[in-house]
C-alpha atoms as a PDB file:
ATOM      1  CA  MET A   1     103.537  68.253 -65.242  1.00  0.00           C
ATOM      2  CA  LYS A   2     100.086  69.827 -66.020  1.00  0.00           C
ATOM      3  CA  LYS A   3      99.034  72.677 -64.145  1.00  0.00           C
ATOM      4  CA  LEU A   4      96.196  72.505 -61.606  1.00  0.00           C
ATOM      5  CA  LYS A   5      92.943  73.987 -62.588  1.00  0.00           C
ATOM      6  CA  LEU A   6      91.848  76.317 -59.555  1.00  0.00           C
ATOM      7  CA  TYR A   7      88.301  77.532 -59.248  1.00  0.00           C
ATOM      8  CA  LEU A   8      88.429  80.257 -56.850  1.00  0.00           C
ATOM      9  CA  ASP A   9      85.285  81.675 -55.115  1.00  0.00           C
ATOM     10  CA  THR A  10      84.549  84.706 -53.732  1.00  0.00           C
ATOM     11  CA  SER A  11      85.555  84.010 -49.998  1.00  0.00           C
ATOM     12  CA  VAL A  12      89.281  83.639 -51.681  1.00  0.00           C
ATOM     13  CA  ILE A  13      89.261  86.597 -53.514  1.00  0.00           C
ATOM     14  CA  SER A  14      87.503  88.695 -50.523  1.00  0.00           C
ATOM     15  CA  HIS A  15      90.185  87.187 -48.189  1.00  0.00           C
ATOM     16  CA  LEU A  16      92.992  88.980 -49.868  1.00  0.00           C
ATOM     17  CA  ASP A  17      91.826  92.090 -48.083  1.00  0.00           C
ATOM     18  CA  GLN A  18      90.521  90.715 -44.733  1.00  0.00           C
ATOM     19  CA  ARG A  19      92.181  92.553 -41.818  1.00  0.00           C
ATOM     20  CA  ASP A  20      90.117  90.851 -39.218  1.00  0.00           C
ATOM     21  CA  ALA A  21      91.147  87.470 -40.379  1.00  0.00           C
ATOM     22  CA  PRO A  22      95.112  87.821 -40.571  1.00  0.00           C
ATOM     23  CA  ASP A  23      95.862  84.181 -40.907  1.00  0.00           C
ATOM     24  CA  LYS A  24      93.388  83.349 -43.169  1.00  0.00           C
ATOM     25  CA  MET A  25      94.678  86.586 -45.438  1.00  0.00           C
ATOM     26  CA  GLY A  26      98.065  85.663 -45.059  1.00  0.00           C
ATOM     27  CA  ASP A  27      97.729  82.139 -46.516  1.00  0.00           C
ATOM     28  CA  THR A  28      95.304  83.572 -49.363  1.00  0.00           C
ATOM     29  CA  ARG A  29      98.199  86.138 -50.269  1.00  0.00           C
ATOM     30  CA  LYS A  30     100.728  83.234 -50.420  1.00  0.00           C
ATOM     31  CA  LEU A  31      98.647  81.318 -52.668  1.00  0.00           C
ATOM     32  CA  TRP A  32      97.884  84.468 -54.942  1.00  0.00           C
ATOM     33  CA  GLU A  33     101.784  84.738 -55.167  1.00  0.00           C
ATOM     34  CA  ARG A  34     101.757  81.231 -56.587  1.00  0.00           C
ATOM     35  CA  VAL A  35      98.720  82.317 -58.916  1.00  0.00           C
ATOM     36  CA  LYS A  36     100.723  85.461 -60.240  1.00  0.00           C
ATOM     37  CA  SER A  37     103.746  83.140 -60.825  1.00  0.00           C
ATOM     38  CA  GLY A  38     101.447  81.401 -63.140  1.00  0.00           C
ATOM     39  CA  GLU A  39     102.160  78.120 -61.279  1.00  0.00           C
ATOM     40  CA  PHE A  40      97.833  77.187 -61.589  1.00  0.00           C
ATOM     41  CA  ASP A  41      95.311  78.059 -64.450  1.00  0.00           C
ATOM     42  CA  VAL A  42      92.775  79.876 -62.663  1.00  0.00           C
ATOM     43  CA  PHE A  43      89.129  79.853 -63.064  1.00  0.00           C
ATOM     44  CA  LEU A  44      86.409  82.562 -61.735  1.00  0.00           C
ATOM     45  CA  SER A  45      82.636  82.425 -62.651  1.00  0.00           C
ATOM     46  CA  GLU A  46      80.198  85.489 -63.287  1.00  0.00           C
ATOM     47  CA  ILE A  47      79.099  84.944 -59.833  1.00  0.00           C
ATOM     48  CA  THR A  48      82.260  85.678 -58.232  1.00  0.00           C
ATOM     49  CA  ILE A  49      82.796  88.956 -60.238  1.00  0.00           C
ATOM     50  CA  ALA A  50      79.116  89.998 -59.595  1.00  0.00           C
ATOM     51  CA  GLU A  51      79.773  89.202 -55.586  1.00  0.00           C
ATOM     52  CA  VAL A  52      83.084  91.327 -55.799  1.00  0.00           C
ATOM     53  CA  ASP A  53      81.261  93.950 -57.621  1.00  0.00           C
ATOM     54  CA  GLY A  54      78.624  93.954 -54.603  1.00  0.00           C
ATOM     55  CA  CYS A  55      81.497  94.833 -51.937  1.00  0.00           C
ATOM     56  CA  GLN A  56      81.531  98.393 -50.565  1.00  0.00           C
ATOM     57  CA  GLU A  57      84.390 100.731 -51.236  1.00  0.00           C
ATOM     58  CA  PRO A  58      87.062 100.866 -51.062  1.00  0.00           C
ATOM     59  CA  LYS A  59      87.436  96.764 -50.680  1.00  0.00           C
ATOM     60  CA  LYS A  60      85.948  96.485 -53.996  1.00  0.00           C
ATOM     61  CA  THR A  61      88.638  98.469 -55.688  1.00  0.00           C
ATOM     62  CA  THR A  62      90.916  96.430 -53.795  1.00  0.00           C
ATOM     63  CA  LEU A  63      89.672  93.208 -54.852  1.00  0.00           C
ATOM     64  CA  PHE A  64      89.345  94.117 -58.487  1.00  0.00           C
ATOM     65  CA  ALA A  65      93.182  95.328 -58.310  1.00  0.00           C
ATOM     66  CA  TYR A  66      93.952  92.055 -57.133  1.00  0.00           C
ATOM     67  CA  LEU A  67      92.212  90.372 -59.871  1.00  0.00           C
ATOM     68  CA  ASP A  68      94.218  92.537 -62.643  1.00  0.00           C
ATOM     69  CA  GLN A  69      97.482  91.045 -61.381  1.00  0.00           C
ATOM     70  CA  VAL A  70      96.387  87.570 -62.560  1.00  0.00           C
ATOM     71  CA  GLN A  71      95.392  85.961 -65.731  1.00  0.00           C
ATOM     72  CA  TYR A  72      92.164  84.041 -65.358  1.00  0.00           C
ATOM     73  CA  THR A  73      89.380  82.276 -67.447  1.00  0.00           C
ATOM     74  CA  LEU A  74      85.931  83.508 -66.770  1.00  0.00           C
ATOM     75  CA  ILE A  75      83.293  80.723 -66.695  1.00  0.00           C
ATOM     76  CA  GLU A  76      79.829  82.449 -68.027  1.00  0.00           C
ATOM     77  CA  THR A  77      76.470  81.150 -66.491  1.00  0.00           C
ATOM     78  CA  SER A  78      74.990  78.634 -68.748  1.00  0.00           C
ATOM     79  CA  GLY A  79      71.963  76.469 -68.617  1.00  0.00           C
ATOM     80  CA  ARG A  80      74.417  73.591 -67.766  1.00  0.00           C
ATOM     81  CA  THR A  81      75.828  75.214 -64.855  1.00  0.00           C
ATOM     82  CA  LEU A  82      72.415  76.154 -63.605  1.00  0.00           C
ATOM     83  CA  ALA A  83      71.102  72.740 -64.013  1.00  0.00           C
ATOM     84  CA  ILE A  84      74.038  71.143 -61.978  1.00  0.00           C
ATOM     85  CA  ALA A  85      73.584  73.959 -59.157  1.00  0.00           C
ATOM     86  CA  GLN A  86      69.715  72.814 -59.282  1.00  0.00           C
ATOM     87  CA  ARG A  87      70.947  69.026 -58.698  1.00  0.00           C
ATOM     88  CA  PHE A  88      73.007  70.184 -55.648  1.00  0.00           C
ATOM     89  CA  ILE A  89      69.614  71.648 -54.183  1.00  0.00           C
ATOM     90  CA  ASP A  90      67.413  68.723 -55.509  1.00  0.00           C
ATOM     91  CA  LEU A  91      69.782  65.911 -53.669  1.00  0.00           C
ATOM     92  CA  GLY A  92      69.747  67.943 -50.582  1.00  0.00           C
ATOM     93  CA  VAL A  93      73.373  68.822 -50.752  1.00  0.00           C
ATOM     94  CA  LEU A  94      72.569  72.330 -50.264  1.00  0.00           C
ATOM     95  CA  ARG A  95      69.630  74.537 -49.400  1.00  0.00           C
ATOM     96  CA  PRO A  96      67.910  76.861 -52.007  1.00  0.00           C
ATOM     97  CA  LYS A  97      69.116  79.954 -50.199  1.00  0.00           C
ATOM     98  CA  SER A  98      72.568  78.565 -50.930  1.00  0.00           C
ATOM     99  CA  PHE A  99      71.992  78.727 -54.893  1.00  0.00           C
ATOM    100  CA  ASP A 100      74.704  81.020 -55.430  1.00  0.00           C
ATOM    101  CA  ASP A 101      77.375  78.877 -53.701  1.00  0.00           C
ATOM    102  CA  CYS A 102      75.982  75.946 -56.075  1.00  0.00           C
ATOM    103  CA  GLN A 103      76.597  77.732 -59.011  1.00  0.00           C
ATOM    104  CA  HIS A 104      80.081  78.464 -57.920  1.00  0.00           C
ATOM    105  CA  ILE A 105      80.398  74.539 -57.467  1.00  0.00           C
ATOM    106  CA  ALA A 106      78.889  73.866 -60.766  1.00  0.00           C
ATOM    107  CA  ALA A 107      80.707  76.514 -62.552  1.00  0.00           C
ATOM    108  CA  ALA A 108      84.012  74.848 -61.303  1.00  0.00           C
ATOM    109  CA  ILE A 109      82.508  71.146 -62.652  1.00  0.00           C
ATOM    110  CA  VAL A 110      81.490  72.727 -65.753  1.00  0.00           C
ATOM    111  CA  GLY A 111      84.908  74.455 -66.401  1.00  0.00           C
ATOM    112  CA  GLY A 112      86.786  71.329 -66.063  1.00  0.00           C
ATOM    113  CA  CYS A 113      88.625  72.504 -62.647  1.00  0.00           C
ATOM    114  CA  ASP A 114      90.782  70.213 -60.364  1.00  0.00           C
ATOM    115  CA  VAL A 115      90.068  72.145 -57.323  1.00  0.00           C
ATOM    116  CA  ILE A 116      87.475  74.407 -55.953  1.00  0.00           C
ATOM    117  CA  VAL A 117      89.424  76.761 -53.333  1.00  0.00           C
ATOM    118  CA  SER A 118      87.197  78.595 -50.566  1.00  0.00           C
ATOM    119  CA  TRP A 119      87.152  79.763 -47.273  1.00  0.00           C
ATOM    120  CA  ASN A 120      83.224  78.935 -47.167  1.00  0.00           C
ATOM    121  CA  PHE A 121      83.247  76.250 -44.733  1.00  0.00           C
ATOM    122  CA  LYS A 122      79.417  76.301 -43.826  1.00  0.00           C
ATOM    123  CA  HIS A 123      78.623  75.712 -47.690  1.00  0.00           C
ATOM    124  CA  ILE A 124      81.464  74.461 -49.551  1.00  0.00           C
ATOM    125  CA  VAL A 125      84.555  73.193 -47.141  1.00  0.00           C
ATOM    126  CA  ASN A 126      82.866  70.538 -45.683  1.00  0.00           C
ATOM    127  CA  HIS A 127      82.285  67.097 -45.742  1.00  0.00           C
ATOM    128  CA  LYS A 128      78.307  66.827 -46.737  1.00  0.00           C
ATOM    129  CA  THR A 129      79.297  68.926 -49.655  1.00  0.00           C
ATOM    130  CA  MET A 130      82.202  67.143 -50.911  1.00  0.00           C
ATOM    131  CA  MET A 131      80.662  63.877 -51.182  1.00  0.00           C
ATOM    132  CA  GLY A 132      77.705  65.711 -52.730  1.00  0.00           C
ATOM    133  CA  VAL A 133      80.036  67.008 -55.642  1.00  0.00           C
ATOM    134  CA  LYS A 134      81.690  63.216 -55.840  1.00  0.00           C
ATOM    135  CA  ALA A 135      78.119  61.805 -56.482  1.00  0.00           C
ATOM    136  CA  ILE A 136      76.966  64.708 -58.895  1.00  0.00           C
ATOM    137  CA  THR A 137      80.180  64.644 -60.740  1.00  0.00           C
ATOM    138  CA  ALA A 138      79.931  60.931 -61.453  1.00  0.00           C
ATOM    139  CA  LEU A 139      76.395  60.899 -62.150  1.00  0.00           C
ATOM    140  CA  GLU A 140      76.942  63.755 -64.841  1.00  0.00           C
ATOM    141  CA  GLY A 141      79.821  62.235 -65.952  1.00  0.00           C
ATOM    142  CA  PHE A 142      82.631  64.981 -65.158  1.00  0.00           C
ATOM    143  CA  GLY A 143      85.848  64.566 -63.395  1.00  0.00           C
ATOM    144  CA  ASP A 144      86.483  64.464 -59.887  1.00  0.00           C
ATOM    145  CA  VAL A 145      86.957  67.793 -58.296  1.00  0.00           C
ATOM    146  CA  LEU A 146      88.642  68.509 -54.901  1.00  0.00           C
ATOM    147  CA  ILE A 147      87.833  71.130 -52.366  1.00  0.00           C
ATOM    148  CA  TYR A 148      90.464  72.936 -50.289  1.00  0.00           C
ATOM    149  CA  THR A 149      91.156  76.236 -48.602  1.00  0.00           C
ATOM    150  CA  PRO A 150      93.795  78.253 -49.627  1.00  0.00           C
ATOM    151  CA  SER A 151      96.075  77.177 -46.895  1.00  0.00           C
ATOM    152  CA  VAL A 152      96.326  73.676 -48.403  1.00  0.00           C
ATOM    153  CA  LEU A 153      97.839  75.323 -51.563  1.00  0.00           C
ATOM    154  CA  ALA A 154      99.599  78.123 -50.241  1.00  0.00           C
ATOM    155  CA  GLY A 155     102.797  76.178 -49.704  1.00  0.00           C
ATOM    156  CA  GLY A 156     104.709  75.358 -46.676  1.00  0.00           C
ATOM    157  CA  ASP A 157     106.990  77.538 -44.624  1.00  0.00           C
ATOM    158  CA  ASP A 158     110.612  76.554 -45.225  1.00  0.00           C
ATOM    159  CA  ASP A 159     111.305  77.614 -41.748  1.00  0.00           C
ATOM    160  CA  ASP A 160     109.382  74.372 -40.702  1.00  0.00           C
ATOM    161  CA  THR A 161     112.021  72.078 -41.516  1.00  0.00           C
END
């Protein structure tokens, strides 16, 4: 079976060390264990790395230490990703002030990812954005991209059976 290609946005990386959100942090860390095992192909963008780099210490160092634990493909910003990001603005899916979030989505699309993983309910994990992604991938000739929270991919708890 083919590995799922996961695009992880900054909210996922950030929740690896988000003590004020223990449930989300727990699910993110469960997913991270699956990522570390090589179960998924992981993709990040230059936007993700820049946003992590903008975190204050000691969180920044902690998050980069997590990133050092896994292999990932870096999706570089290109004219194509910027153009697709702009389509989200032009079609009214997101507003110009959310352009970085548009770039996350565009990077996942251009990178051929199967799933965008995010905790960003305001701009990414919501019905309007999901429908916008479906429309833009169809218009631009890209494959479908799903949007999930880490909880969806973290795996079930064996004690629940």
